[in-house]
Amino acid sequence: QQIERMLQALPGKIDLQKLVSFPTHLEATRKGRSLQLKGMILYYGKHYFATFLSQSKHWLLLNDKKVTDLGKWKDLANRAVRGKWQPTVLFYEVKGGSDSTLSLSLFFLCVSQ
């Protein structure tokens, strides 16, 4: 239940203006930008594996031996709940904005339980 609640609460998109405070001279940099969830490192039973969003908008599971297409977000979430996969690191890509002032293209957030 804890994993299910966490996945339901996990934001697929984060408004960068609400997350990061920019110096005045870079204020325009954050306008119109958001963070889009692109991947996760998951943990179960002394084993880590990854899921990342493909260009076709399907979530891919990457483990030691193969890559598996899990489908859409709800399919990934259902599989994670059933398998008791615990998200540990979240990867977000910066989206939007018209300039290239913001050089950081990927944020990551560690999840504590």
Foldseek 3Di string as FASTA:
>chain_A
DVLLVCLVPDDQKAQQVVPDDDPPVCVLVRPFKMWGWAKFWWDDDNAIWMWGQDPVRFIWTGGDPDIDTQGHSVSVSVVCVVRVIHTAKIKIAMDGDDDCPDPDGIDMDGDDD
